[in-house]
Amino acid sequence: MSVQIAVDAMGGDHAPEVVVEGAIAAAQEADDSVHILLVGPRERLERLLASHQASQLPISVLHAPEVIGMDESPSVALRAKPQSSVHVGLQAHKSGQAQAFVSNGNTGAVMAAALFILGRLPNISRPALPAYFPTLENTSIVLDVGANVDCKPEHLVQFALMGSLFYQVHLHKERPTVALLNVGEEPSKGNEVVRQAYQLLSEKTTELNFIGNVEGRDIFYHGADVVVCDGFVGNVLLKFGESIPDILQRLIKEAVVNEQLGEKEQYLIFGVLKQVLRRFDYAEFGGVPLLGINGTVLIGHGSAPARAVKRMILEAASMVEERILDRMAELFKTTH
């Protein structure tokens, strides 16, 4: 039986054309194991699908006449556009018509609508957004990167538990290491929230492989598999990381010009650079799950290309098959 994924066809800077292209690519790669529900204006989406001659693929359209813009206020959009592609897609997920919902649209609107329509899992106080960071070893995840600007110590503990489970199941590592992002390694460092969170995490030795504090410089060296922080710090870190590929390219191009290197040398240098920067490309992961929501919801980058949309759809299907939502609910049966 195929996994049903609802896709916000109107989410993102280049919707719906890029989203439709990504959905078609995902359907082709999944080979009937995934059925895609494109959510958006029916006539427009059906014309696009017809132009790609996609009638034989497991893709159908779920009509949603309204669109939430990338720059709209989430609270205003929630009230004013109940027939938006975000609302209709999440309602399809809640009703069981789809087992997951993915969107490259307005992040705040998707998070707010997911909380309103799906709600949180029992005993989870705040949902959290993780982000993938390339490291010298492989990949670390950092959470939260934007869902919660202000946090209490117990929220950071829940982020650690959710992140550890997600890493274990989806990135396939038993007892992943967990650390707090701090201004120093010592338990006494940091603000009151982080110091209290350190003490609480230190008491959860049976549930977590907590290794203490890491600093910002440790992340790319793979200081831990799961790095925990509040959404303010995490979002600053994420935006800083997103600037690295562009800055590196500019600096290296400038150096190449200054050194007056020949075509052969330039070809070798930029070939190596392209290989390195692929590790920083968010399209390799597609999107990230909103952990703690009573559903499987993935959020992608607004400027995502078609291959990122494809990757996000396939990632959502994997998370459904891995039963991450059920495992998360089981983990939080009792209050943490």
C-alpha atoms as a PDB file:
ATOM      1  CA  MET A   1       0.000   0.000   0.000  1.00  0.00           C
ATOM      2  CA  SER A   2       1.410   3.399  -0.971  1.00  0.00           C
ATOM      3  CA  VAL A   3       2.108   6.243   1.445  1.00  0.00           C
ATOM      4  CA  GLN A   4      -0.122   9.292   0.854  1.00  0.00           C
ATOM      5  CA  ILE A   5       1.747  12.607   1.020  1.00  0.00           C
ATOM      6  CA  ALA A   6      -0.094  15.952   0.834  1.00  0.00           C
ATOM      7  CA  VAL A   7       2.086  18.562  -0.865  1.00  0.00           C
ATOM      8  CA  ASP A   8       1.475  22.305  -0.599  1.00  0.00           C
ATOM      9  CA  ALA A   9       1.657  23.079  -4.320  1.00  0.00           C
ATOM     10  CA  MET A  10       1.442  26.840  -3.687  1.00  0.00           C
ATOM     11  CA  GLY A  11       4.228  27.052  -1.109  1.00  0.00           C
ATOM     12  CA  GLY A  12       7.537  28.678  -1.991  1.00  0.00           C
ATOM     13  CA  ASP A  13       8.997  31.430  -4.139  1.00  0.00           C
ATOM     14  CA  HIS A  14       8.635  29.459  -7.369  1.00  0.00           C
ATOM     15  CA  ALA A  15       5.317  27.703  -6.782  1.00  0.00           C
ATOM     16  CA  PRO A  16       3.481  25.969  -8.281  1.00  0.00           C
ATOM     17  CA  GLU A  17       5.727  25.140 -11.259  1.00  0.00           C
ATOM     18  CA  VAL A  18       8.766  24.008  -9.259  1.00  0.00           C
ATOM     19  CA  VAL A  19       6.607  22.109  -6.746  1.00  0.00           C
ATOM     20  CA  VAL A  20       4.848  20.210  -9.526  1.00  0.00           C
ATOM     21  CA  GLU A  21       8.185  19.339 -11.128  1.00  0.00           C
ATOM     22  CA  GLY A  22       9.481  18.057  -7.793  1.00  0.00           C
ATOM     23  CA  ALA A  23       6.323  16.046  -7.167  1.00  0.00           C
ATOM     24  CA  ILE A  24       6.587  14.412 -10.582  1.00  0.00           C
ATOM     25  CA  ALA A  25      10.237  13.533  -9.951  1.00  0.00           C
ATOM     26  CA  ALA A  26       9.351  12.052  -6.544  1.00  0.00           C
ATOM     27  CA  ALA A  27       6.516   9.985  -8.011  1.00  0.00           C
ATOM     28  CA  GLN A  28       8.804   8.660 -10.724  1.00  0.00           C
ATOM     29  CA  GLU A  29      11.540   7.712  -8.255  1.00  0.00           C
ATOM     30  CA  ALA A  30       9.170   6.196  -5.676  1.00  0.00           C
ATOM     31  CA  ASP A  31       7.735   3.802  -8.274  1.00  0.00           C
ATOM     32  CA  ASP A  32       4.134   3.597  -6.938  1.00  0.00           C
ATOM     33  CA  SER A  33       5.174   3.367  -3.267  1.00  0.00           C
ATOM     34  CA  VAL A  34       4.098   7.000  -2.784  1.00  0.00           C
ATOM     35  CA  HIS A  35       0.848   8.701  -3.812  1.00  0.00           C
ATOM     36  CA  ILE A  36       1.042  12.496  -3.955  1.00  0.00           C
ATOM     37  CA  LEU A  37      -1.854  14.862  -3.267  1.00  0.00           C
ATOM     38  CA  LEU A  38      -1.022  18.236  -4.787  1.00  0.00           C
ATOM     39  CA  VAL A  39      -2.935  20.846  -2.804  1.00  0.00           C
ATOM     40  CA  GLY A  40      -3.873  24.070  -4.579  1.00  0.00           C
ATOM     41  CA  PRO A  41      -6.133  25.562  -7.290  1.00  0.00           C
ATOM     42  CA  ARG A  42      -7.396  22.542  -9.221  1.00  0.00           C
ATOM     43  CA  GLU A  43      -7.491  23.946 -12.761  1.00  0.00           C
ATOM     44  CA  ARG A  44      -4.036  25.488 -12.583  1.00  0.00           C
ATOM     45  CA  LEU A  45      -2.434  22.333 -11.180  1.00  0.00           C
ATOM     46  CA  GLU A  46      -4.187  20.036 -13.635  1.00  0.00           C
ATOM     47  CA  ARG A  47      -2.936  22.176 -16.528  1.00  0.00           C
ATOM     48  CA  LEU A  48       0.603  21.925 -15.214  1.00  0.00           C
ATOM     49  CA  LEU A  49       0.384  18.166 -14.766  1.00  0.00           C
ATOM     50  CA  ALA A  50      -1.002  17.813 -18.295  1.00  0.00           C
ATOM     51  CA  SER A  51       1.857  19.904 -19.704  1.00  0.00           C
ATOM     52  CA  HIS A  52       4.279  17.417 -18.130  1.00  0.00           C
ATOM     53  CA  GLN A  53       2.269  14.431 -19.415  1.00  0.00           C
ATOM     54  CA  ALA A  54       1.994  13.104 -15.855  1.00  0.00           C
ATOM     55  CA  SER A  55      -1.432  11.478 -16.114  1.00  0.00           C
ATOM     56  CA  GLN A  56      -0.048   7.970 -15.531  1.00  0.00           C
ATOM     57  CA  LEU A  57       1.756   8.901 -12.303  1.00  0.00           C
ATOM     58  CA  PRO A  58       0.232   8.422  -8.806  1.00  0.00           C
ATOM     59  CA  ILE A  59      -0.513  12.127  -8.403  1.00  0.00           C
ATOM     60  CA  SER A  60      -3.917  13.690  -7.759  1.00  0.00           C
ATOM     61  CA  VAL A  61      -5.108  17.213  -6.989  1.00  0.00           C
ATOM     62  CA  LEU A  62      -6.855  18.400  -3.838  1.00  0.00           C
ATOM     63  CA  HIS A  63      -8.581  21.708  -4.501  1.00  0.00           C
ATOM     64  CA  ALA A  64      -7.591  24.685  -2.353  1.00  0.00           C
ATOM     65  CA  PRO A  65      -8.493  28.066  -3.893  1.00  0.00           C
ATOM     66  CA  GLU A  66      -6.581  30.338  -1.493  1.00  0.00           C
ATOM     67  CA  VAL A  67      -2.842  30.957  -1.172  1.00  0.00           C
ATOM     68  CA  ILE A  68      -0.824  32.223   1.812  1.00  0.00           C
ATOM     69  CA  GLY A  69       1.968  34.482   0.600  1.00  0.00           C
ATOM     70  CA  MET A  70       5.550  34.122   1.808  1.00  0.00           C
ATOM     71  CA  ASP A  71       5.466  37.556   3.471  1.00  0.00           C
ATOM     72  CA  GLU A  72       1.989  37.374   5.019  1.00  0.00           C
ATOM     73  CA  SER A  73       1.460  37.508   8.763  1.00  0.00           C
ATOM     74  CA  PRO A  74       0.824  33.933   9.959  1.00  0.00           C
ATOM     75  CA  SER A  75      -1.865  34.994  12.442  1.00  0.00           C
ATOM     76  CA  VAL A  76      -3.715  37.071   9.856  1.00  0.00           C
ATOM     77  CA  ALA A  77      -3.446  34.376   7.174  1.00  0.00           C
ATOM     78  CA  LEU A  78      -4.767  31.715   9.550  1.00  0.00           C
ATOM     79  CA  ARG A  79      -7.976  33.658  10.117  1.00  0.00           C
ATOM     80  CA  ALA A  80      -8.434  35.170   6.671  1.00  0.00           C
ATOM     81  CA  LYS A  81      -7.682  32.175   4.434  1.00  0.00           C
ATOM     82  CA  PRO A  82      -9.311  28.975   5.776  1.00  0.00           C
ATOM     83  CA  GLN A  83      -9.273  27.468   2.252  1.00  0.00           C
ATOM     84  CA  SER A  84      -5.543  27.967   1.734  1.00  0.00           C
ATOM     85  CA  SER A  85      -3.353  25.134   0.474  1.00  0.00           C
ATOM     86  CA  VAL A  86      -1.763  24.970   3.937  1.00  0.00           C
ATOM     87  CA  HIS A  87      -5.109  24.571   5.734  1.00  0.00           C
ATOM     88  CA  VAL A  88      -6.555  22.085   3.251  1.00  0.00           C
ATOM     89  CA  GLY A  89      -3.371  19.999   3.186  1.00  0.00           C
ATOM     90  CA  LEU A  90      -3.132  19.820   6.965  1.00  0.00           C
ATOM     91  CA  GLN A  91      -6.833  18.945   7.225  1.00  0.00           C
ATOM     92  CA  ALA A  92      -6.235  16.105   4.755  1.00  0.00           C
ATOM     93  CA  HIS A  93      -3.448  14.870   7.010  1.00  0.00           C
ATOM     94  CA  LYS A  94      -5.591  15.123  10.128  1.00  0.00           C
ATOM     95  CA  SER A  95      -8.469  13.206   8.526  1.00  0.00           C
ATOM     96  CA  GLY A  96      -6.160  10.397   7.410  1.00  0.00           C
ATOM     97  CA  GLN A  97      -6.481  11.175   3.712  1.00  0.00           C
ATOM     98  CA  ALA A  98      -2.710  11.782   3.813  1.00  0.00           C
ATOM     99  CA  GLN A  99      -0.090  10.387   6.192  1.00  0.00           C
ATOM    100  CA  ALA A 100       2.113  13.491   5.964  1.00  0.00           C
ATOM    101  CA  PHE A 101       2.089  17.111   4.819  1.00  0.00           C
ATOM    102  CA  VAL A 102       5.014  18.993   3.272  1.00  0.00           C
ATOM    103  CA  SER A 103       5.399  22.667   2.375  1.00  0.00           C
ATOM    104  CA  ASN A 104       8.002  25.150   1.166  1.00  0.00           C
ATOM    105  CA  GLY A 105       5.636  27.963   2.074  1.00  0.00           C
ATOM    106  CA  ASN A 106       5.475  30.571   4.816  1.00  0.00           C
ATOM    107  CA  THR A 107       7.198  28.820   7.742  1.00  0.00           C
ATOM    108  CA  GLY A 108       5.342  30.748  10.430  1.00  0.00           C
ATOM    109  CA  ALA A 109       1.978  30.050   8.812  1.00  0.00           C
ATOM    110  CA  VAL A 110       2.717  26.333   8.432  1.00  0.00           C
ATOM    111  CA  MET A 111       3.811  26.049  12.076  1.00  0.00           C
ATOM    112  CA  ALA A 112       0.830  28.022  13.372  1.00  0.00           C
ATOM    113  CA  ALA A 113      -1.648  26.066  11.238  1.00  0.00           C
ATOM    114  CA  ALA A 114      -0.085  22.739  12.222  1.00  0.00           C
ATOM    115  CA  LEU A 115      -0.427  23.631  15.899  1.00  0.00           C
ATOM    116  CA  PHE A 116      -4.031  24.745  15.418  1.00  0.00           C
ATOM    117  CA  ILE A 117      -5.177  21.843  13.204  1.00  0.00           C
ATOM    118  CA  LEU A 118      -3.047  18.910  14.404  1.00  0.00           C
ATOM    119  CA  GLY A 119      -2.089  20.031  17.905  1.00  0.00           C
ATOM    120  CA  ARG A 120       0.866  18.833  19.932  1.00  0.00           C
ATOM    121  CA  LEU A 121       1.587  15.294  20.995  1.00  0.00           C
ATOM    122  CA  PRO A 122       0.546  14.630  24.618  1.00  0.00           C
ATOM    123  CA  ASN A 123       3.071  15.868  27.202  1.00  0.00           C
ATOM    124  CA  ILE A 124       5.070  17.910  24.689  1.00  0.00           C
ATOM    125  CA  SER A 125       5.115  21.588  25.637  1.00  0.00           C
ATOM    126  CA  ARG A 126       6.665  23.074  22.490  1.00  0.00           C
ATOM    127  CA  PRO A 127       7.313  21.759  18.975  1.00  0.00           C
ATOM    128  CA  ALA A 128      10.844  22.193  17.619  1.00  0.00           C
ATOM    129  CA  LEU A 129      12.445  22.595  14.208  1.00  0.00           C
ATOM    130  CA  PRO A 130      15.750  20.791  13.663  1.00  0.00           C
ATOM    131  CA  ALA A 131      18.309  21.678  11.000  1.00  0.00           C
ATOM    132  CA  TYR A 132      20.989  19.514   9.404  1.00  0.00           C
ATOM    133  CA  PHE A 133      24.590  20.692   9.714  1.00  0.00           C
ATOM    134  CA  PRO A 134      27.412  19.058   7.724  1.00  0.00           C
ATOM    135  CA  THR A 135      30.386  18.023   9.862  1.00  0.00           C
ATOM    136  CA  LEU A 136      33.793  16.431   9.445  1.00  0.00           C
ATOM    137  CA  GLU A 137      32.256  13.102  10.497  1.00  0.00           C
ATOM    138  CA  ASN A 138      28.877  13.156   8.803  1.00  0.00           C
ATOM    139  CA  THR A 139      25.843  15.209   9.887  1.00  0.00           C
ATOM    140  CA  SER A 140      24.689  16.811  13.125  1.00  0.00           C
ATOM    141  CA  ILE A 141      21.261  18.200  13.832  1.00  0.00           C
ATOM    142  CA  VAL A 142      20.657  21.419  15.756  1.00  0.00           C
ATOM    143  CA  LEU A 143      17.312  22.177  17.384  1.00  0.00           C
ATOM    144  CA  ASP A 144      15.440  24.392  17.857  1.00  0.00           C
ATOM    145  CA  VAL A 145      16.233  26.677  14.892  1.00  0.00           C
ATOM    146  CA  GLY A 146      13.230  28.970  14.969  1.00  0.00           C
ATOM    147  CA  ALA A 147      10.011  27.594  16.409  1.00  0.00           C
ATOM    148  CA  ASN A 148      10.626  28.940  19.937  1.00  0.00           C
ATOM    149  CA  VAL A 149      12.493  32.172  20.599  1.00  0.00           C
ATOM    150  CA  ASP A 150      12.132  31.995  24.398  1.00  0.00           C
ATOM    151  CA  CYS A 151      12.503  28.673  26.195  1.00  0.00           C
ATOM    152  CA  LYS A 152      12.449  27.222  29.691  1.00  0.00           C
ATOM    153  CA  PRO A 153      14.923  24.533  30.824  1.00  0.00           C
ATOM    154  CA  GLU A 154      12.307  21.786  30.476  1.00  0.00           C
ATOM    155  CA  HIS A 155      11.705  22.794  26.851  1.00  0.00           C
ATOM    156  CA  LEU A 156      15.382  22.238  26.049  1.00  0.00           C
ATOM    157  CA  VAL A 157      15.151  18.820  27.687  1.00  0.00           C
ATOM    158  CA  GLN A 158      12.211  17.914  25.462  1.00  0.00           C
ATOM    159  CA  PHE A 159      14.105  19.140  22.386  1.00  0.00           C
ATOM    160  CA  ALA A 160      16.968  16.854  23.383  1.00  0.00           C
ATOM    161  CA  LEU A 161      14.663  13.852  23.700  1.00  0.00           C
ATOM    162  CA  MET A 162      12.912  14.547  20.399  1.00  0.00           C
ATOM    163  CA  GLY A 163      16.169  15.208  18.579  1.00  0.00           C
ATOM    164  CA  SER A 164      17.803  12.088  19.944  1.00  0.00           C
ATOM    165  CA  LEU A 165      14.903   9.880  18.866  1.00  0.00           C
ATOM    166  CA  PHE A 166      14.762  11.481  15.421  1.00  0.00           C
ATOM    167  CA  TYR A 167      18.511  11.038  14.908  1.00  0.00           C
ATOM    168  CA  GLN A 168      18.409   7.435  16.094  1.00  0.00           C
ATOM    169  CA  VAL A 169      15.528   6.397  13.824  1.00  0.00           C
ATOM    170  CA  HIS A 170      16.007   8.562  10.740  1.00  0.00           C
ATOM    171  CA  LEU A 171      19.790   8.899  10.689  1.00  0.00           C
ATOM    172  CA  HIS A 172      20.305   5.361  11.956  1.00  0.00           C
ATOM    173  CA  LYS A 173      22.564   5.643  14.988  1.00  0.00           C
ATOM    174  CA  GLU A 174      21.971   3.959  18.322  1.00  0.00           C
ATOM    175  CA  ARG A 175      22.235   6.287  21.320  1.00  0.00           C
ATOM    176  CA  PRO A 176      23.331   9.423  19.483  1.00  0.00           C
ATOM    177  CA  THR A 177      25.349  11.911  21.507  1.00  0.00           C
ATOM    178  CA  VAL A 178      23.466  14.958  22.778  1.00  0.00           C
ATOM    179  CA  ALA A 179      24.948  18.296  23.850  1.00  0.00           C
ATOM    180  CA  LEU A 180      23.819  21.767  24.870  1.00  0.00           C
ATOM    181  CA  LEU A 181      25.055  24.704  22.818  1.00  0.00           C
ATOM    182  CA  ASN A 182      26.738  27.070  25.266  1.00  0.00           C
ATOM    183  CA  VAL A 183      29.437  29.718  25.649  1.00  0.00           C
ATOM    184  CA  GLY A 184      31.760  27.259  27.382  1.00  0.00           C
ATOM    185  CA  GLU A 185      32.116  23.586  28.219  1.00  0.00           C
ATOM    186  CA  GLU A 186      31.836  23.885  31.997  1.00  0.00           C
ATOM    187  CA  PRO A 187      28.444  23.188  33.643  1.00  0.00           C
ATOM    188  CA  SER A 188      28.591  26.608  35.338  1.00  0.00           C
ATOM    189  CA  LYS A 189      28.745  28.497  32.023  1.00  0.00           C
ATOM    190  CA  GLY A 190      25.810  30.119  30.253  1.00  0.00           C
ATOM    191  CA  ASN A 191      22.601  31.788  31.360  1.00  0.00           C
ATOM    192  CA  GLU A 192      20.246  30.450  34.012  1.00  0.00           C
ATOM    193  CA  VAL A 193      18.077  28.556  31.515  1.00  0.00           C
ATOM    194  CA  VAL A 194      21.024  26.664  30.029  1.00  0.00           C
ATOM    195  CA  ARG A 195      22.570  25.918  33.437  1.00  0.00           C
ATOM    196  CA  GLN A 196      19.295  24.459  34.696  1.00  0.00           C
ATOM    197  CA  ALA A 197      18.830  22.487  31.489  1.00  0.00           C
ATOM    198  CA  TYR A 198      22.320  21.033  31.967  1.00  0.00           C
ATOM    199  CA  GLN A 199      21.349  19.710  35.385  1.00  0.00           C
ATOM    200  CA  LEU A 200      18.078  18.228  34.120  1.00  0.00           C
ATOM    201  CA  LEU A 201      19.771  16.548  31.146  1.00  0.00           C
ATOM    202  CA  SER A 202      22.502  15.134  33.390  1.00  0.00           C
ATOM    203  CA  GLU A 203      19.797  13.242  35.296  1.00  0.00           C
ATOM    204  CA  LYS A 204      18.488  11.475  32.159  1.00  0.00           C
ATOM    205  CA  THR A 205      21.357   9.054  31.635  1.00  0.00           C
ATOM    206  CA  THR A 206      19.074   6.121  30.783  1.00  0.00           C
ATOM    207  CA  GLU A 207      17.167   8.050  28.114  1.00  0.00           C
ATOM    208  CA  LEU A 208      19.896  10.229  26.644  1.00  0.00           C
ATOM    209  CA  ASN A 209      23.569   9.985  25.800  1.00  0.00           C
ATOM    210  CA  PHE A 210      24.180  13.488  27.144  1.00  0.00           C
ATOM    211  CA  ILE A 211      27.829  14.575  26.879  1.00  0.00           C
ATOM    212  CA  GLY A 212      27.597  18.124  28.266  1.00  0.00           C
ATOM    213  CA  ASN A 213      28.133  21.498  26.613  1.00  0.00           C
ATOM    214  CA  VAL A 214      29.584  22.290  23.195  1.00  0.00           C
ATOM    215  CA  GLU A 215      30.527  25.670  21.764  1.00  0.00           C
ATOM    216  CA  GLY A 216      29.658  27.086  18.365  1.00  0.00           C
ATOM    217  CA  ARG A 217      33.105  26.224  17.006  1.00  0.00           C
ATOM    218  CA  ASP A 218      32.525  22.541  17.839  1.00  0.00           C
ATOM    219  CA  ILE A 219      29.524  22.006  15.562  1.00  0.00           C
ATOM    220  CA  PHE A 220      31.314  21.550  12.232  1.00  0.00           C
ATOM    221  CA  TYR A 221      33.832  19.306  14.034  1.00  0.00           C
ATOM    222  CA  HIS A 222      30.887  17.080  15.041  1.00  0.00           C
ATOM    223  CA  GLY A 223      30.933  17.969  18.717  1.00  0.00           C
ATOM    224  CA  ALA A 224      27.711  15.961  19.086  1.00  0.00           C
ATOM    225  CA  ASP A 225      25.116  14.231  16.951  1.00  0.00           C
ATOM    226  CA  VAL A 226      22.322  16.368  18.446  1.00  0.00           C
ATOM    227  CA  VAL A 227      22.955  19.955  19.555  1.00  0.00           C
ATOM    228  CA  VAL A 228      20.242  21.653  21.625  1.00  0.00           C
ATOM    229  CA  CYS A 229      19.517  25.373  21.950  1.00  0.00           C
ATOM    230  CA  ASP A 230      16.594  27.793  21.968  1.00  0.00           C
ATOM    231  CA  GLY A 231      15.114  28.974  18.694  1.00  0.00           C
ATOM    232  CA  PHE A 232      16.685  32.435  18.880  1.00  0.00           C
ATOM    233  CA  VAL A 233      20.248  31.097  19.075  1.00  0.00           C
ATOM    234  CA  GLY A 234      19.469  28.275  16.658  1.00  0.00           C
ATOM    235  CA  ASN A 235      18.033  30.560  13.995  1.00  0.00           C
ATOM    236  CA  VAL A 236      21.028  32.908  14.189  1.00  0.00           C
ATOM    237  CA  LEU A 237      23.310  29.890  13.826  1.00  0.00           C
ATOM    238  CA  LEU A 238      21.291  28.525  10.895  1.00  0.00           C
ATOM    239  CA  LYS A 239      21.319  31.830   8.998  1.00  0.00           C
ATOM    240  CA  PHE A 240      25.059  32.162   9.597  1.00  0.00           C
ATOM    241  CA  GLY A 241      25.599  28.649   8.249  1.00  0.00           C
ATOM    242  CA  GLU A 242      23.500  29.399   5.167  1.00  0.00           C
ATOM    243  CA  SER A 243      25.867  32.247   4.281  1.00  0.00           C
ATOM    244  CA  ILE A 244      28.982  30.058   4.245  1.00  0.00           C
ATOM    245  CA  PRO A 245      28.692  28.557   0.720  1.00  0.00           C
ATOM    246  CA  ASP A 246      28.198  31.938  -0.964  1.00  0.00           C
ATOM    247  CA  ILE A 247      31.001  33.596   1.020  1.00  0.00           C
ATOM    248  CA  LEU A 248      33.429  30.758   0.266  1.00  0.00           C
ATOM    249  CA  GLN A 249      32.662  30.914  -3.448  1.00  0.00           C
ATOM    250  CA  ARG A 250      33.188  34.676  -3.550  1.00  0.00           C
ATOM    251  CA  LEU A 251      36.466  34.554  -1.610  1.00  0.00           C
ATOM    252  CA  ILE A 252      37.873  31.731  -3.710  1.00  0.00           C
ATOM    253  CA  LYS A 253      36.852  33.399  -6.987  1.00  0.00           C
ATOM    254  CA  GLU A 254      38.557  36.577  -5.821  1.00  0.00           C
ATOM    255  CA  ALA A 255      41.724  34.655  -4.948  1.00  0.00           C
ATOM    256  CA  VAL A 256      41.665  32.844  -8.300  1.00  0.00           C
ATOM    257  CA  VAL A 257      41.500  36.187 -10.128  1.00  0.00           C
ATOM    258  CA  ASN A 258      44.244  37.715  -7.983  1.00  0.00           C
ATOM    259  CA  GLU A 259      46.537  34.727  -8.611  1.00  0.00           C
ATOM    260  CA  GLN A 260      45.765  34.822 -12.352  1.00  0.00           C
ATOM    261  CA  LEU A 261      45.328  31.052 -12.481  1.00  0.00           C
ATOM    262  CA  GLY A 262      44.906  29.270 -15.789  1.00  0.00           C
ATOM    263  CA  GLU A 263      41.807  27.451 -16.990  1.00  0.00           C
ATOM    264  CA  LYS A 264      43.076  24.034 -15.899  1.00  0.00           C
ATOM    265  CA  GLU A 265      43.833  25.194 -12.353  1.00  0.00           C
ATOM    266  CA  GLN A 266      40.486  26.988 -12.133  1.00  0.00           C
ATOM    267  CA  TYR A 267      38.651  23.871 -13.311  1.00  0.00           C
ATOM    268  CA  LEU A 268      40.315  21.758 -10.600  1.00  0.00           C
ATOM    269  CA  ILE A 269      39.728  24.310  -7.853  1.00  0.00           C
ATOM    270  CA  PHE A 270      36.067  24.898  -8.649  1.00  0.00           C
ATOM    271  CA  GLY A 271      35.489  21.169  -9.072  1.00  0.00           C
ATOM    272  CA  VAL A 272      36.744  20.548  -5.541  1.00  0.00           C
ATOM    273  CA  LEU A 273      34.794  23.549  -4.234  1.00  0.00           C
ATOM    274  CA  LYS A 274      31.564  22.268  -5.783  1.00  0.00           C
ATOM    275  CA  GLN A 275      32.086  18.887  -4.127  1.00  0.00           C
ATOM    276  CA  VAL A 276      32.670  20.495  -0.711  1.00  0.00           C
ATOM    277  CA  LEU A 277      29.746  22.907  -0.955  1.00  0.00           C
ATOM    278  CA  ARG A 278      27.346  20.095  -1.838  1.00  0.00           C
ATOM    279  CA  ARG A 279      27.501  19.181   1.860  1.00  0.00           C
ATOM    280  CA  PHE A 280      26.021  22.595   2.688  1.00  0.00           C
ATOM    281  CA  ASP A 281      23.224  22.368   0.121  1.00  0.00           C
ATOM    282  CA  TYR A 282      19.820  22.202   1.863  1.00  0.00           C
ATOM    283  CA  ALA A 283      18.392  20.607  -1.280  1.00  0.00           C
ATOM    284  CA  GLU A 284      20.254  17.419  -0.364  1.00  0.00           C
ATOM    285  CA  PHE A 285      17.878  17.049   2.612  1.00  0.00           C
ATOM    286  CA  GLY A 286      14.804  18.727   1.155  1.00  0.00           C
ATOM    287  CA  GLY A 287      13.081  19.753   4.367  1.00  0.00           C
ATOM    288  CA  VAL A 288      12.961  19.208   8.111  1.00  0.00           C
ATOM    289  CA  PRO A 289      10.176  17.865  10.339  1.00  0.00           C
ATOM    290  CA  LEU A 290       8.293  19.935  12.863  1.00  0.00           C
ATOM    291  CA  LEU A 291       8.937  17.657  15.827  1.00  0.00           C
ATOM    292  CA  GLY A 292       6.360  17.449  18.603  1.00  0.00           C
ATOM    293  CA  ILE A 293       3.330  18.028  16.386  1.00  0.00           C
ATOM    294  CA  ASN A 294       0.668  15.301  16.304  1.00  0.00           C
ATOM    295  CA  GLY A 295       1.432  14.590  12.674  1.00  0.00           C
ATOM    296  CA  THR A 296       4.240  14.275  10.153  1.00  0.00           C
ATOM    297  CA  VAL A 297       4.854  17.790   8.848  1.00  0.00           C
ATOM    298  CA  LEU A 298       7.958  18.805   6.899  1.00  0.00           C
ATOM    299  CA  ILE A 299       8.958  22.381   6.116  1.00  0.00           C
ATOM    300  CA  GLY A 300      11.339  23.290   3.316  1.00  0.00           C
ATOM    301  CA  HIS A 301      13.190  26.376   2.105  1.00  0.00           C
ATOM    302  CA  GLY A 302      11.135  28.988   0.273  1.00  0.00           C
ATOM    303  CA  SER A 303      13.569  29.128  -2.646  1.00  0.00           C
ATOM    304  CA  ALA A 304      13.795  25.338  -2.956  1.00  0.00           C
ATOM    305  CA  PRO A 305      14.427  23.932  -6.443  1.00  0.00           C
ATOM    306  CA  ALA A 306      12.500  20.948  -7.808  1.00  0.00           C
ATOM    307  CA  ARG A 307      15.093  18.439  -6.571  1.00  0.00           C
ATOM    308  CA  ALA A 308      14.643  19.739  -3.009  1.00  0.00           C
ATOM    309  CA  VAL A 309      10.868  19.310  -3.303  1.00  0.00           C
ATOM    310  CA  LYS A 310      11.410  15.756  -4.543  1.00  0.00           C
ATOM    311  CA  ARG A 311      13.778  15.026  -1.663  1.00  0.00           C
ATOM    312  CA  MET A 312      11.338  16.422   0.918  1.00  0.00           C
ATOM    313  CA  ILE A 313       8.461  14.284  -0.367  1.00  0.00           C
ATOM    314  CA  LEU A 314      10.596  11.145  -0.250  1.00  0.00           C
ATOM    315  CA  GLU A 315      11.900  12.083   3.214  1.00  0.00           C
ATOM    316  CA  ALA A 316       8.319  12.449   4.450  1.00  0.00           C
ATOM    317  CA  ALA A 317       7.456   9.006   3.096  1.00  0.00           C
ATOM    318  CA  SER A 318      10.498   7.540   4.887  1.00  0.00           C
ATOM    319  CA  MET A 319       9.462   9.130   8.180  1.00  0.00           C
ATOM    320  CA  VAL A 320       5.986   7.663   7.855  1.00  0.00           C
ATOM    321  CA  GLU A 321       7.426   4.212   7.186  1.00  0.00           C
ATOM    322  CA  GLU A 322       9.826   4.600  10.133  1.00  0.00           C
ATOM    323  CA  ARG A 323       6.839   5.389  12.386  1.00  0.00           C
ATOM    324  CA  ILE A 324       8.636   8.370  13.916  1.00  0.00           C
ATOM    325  CA  LEU A 325       5.338   9.926  15.035  1.00  0.00           C
ATOM    326  CA  ASP A 326       4.261   6.756  16.866  1.00  0.00           C
ATOM    327  CA  ARG A 327       7.691   6.372  18.461  1.00  0.00           C
ATOM    328  CA  MET A 328       7.611   9.998  19.594  1.00  0.00           C
ATOM    329  CA  ALA A 329       4.173   9.541  21.147  1.00  0.00           C
ATOM    330  CA  GLU A 330       5.388   6.426  22.951  1.00  0.00           C
ATOM    331  CA  LEU A 331       8.459   8.233  24.272  1.00  0.00           C
ATOM    332  CA  PHE A 332       6.335  11.050  25.709  1.00  0.00           C
ATOM    333  CA  LYS A 333       3.597   8.872  27.213  1.00  0.00           C
ATOM    334  CA  THR A 334       4.836  10.102  30.559  1.00  0.00           C
ATOM    335  CA  THR A 335       5.715  13.738  31.240  1.00  0.00           C
ATOM    336  CA  HIS A 336       9.380  14.708  30.692  1.00  0.00           C
END
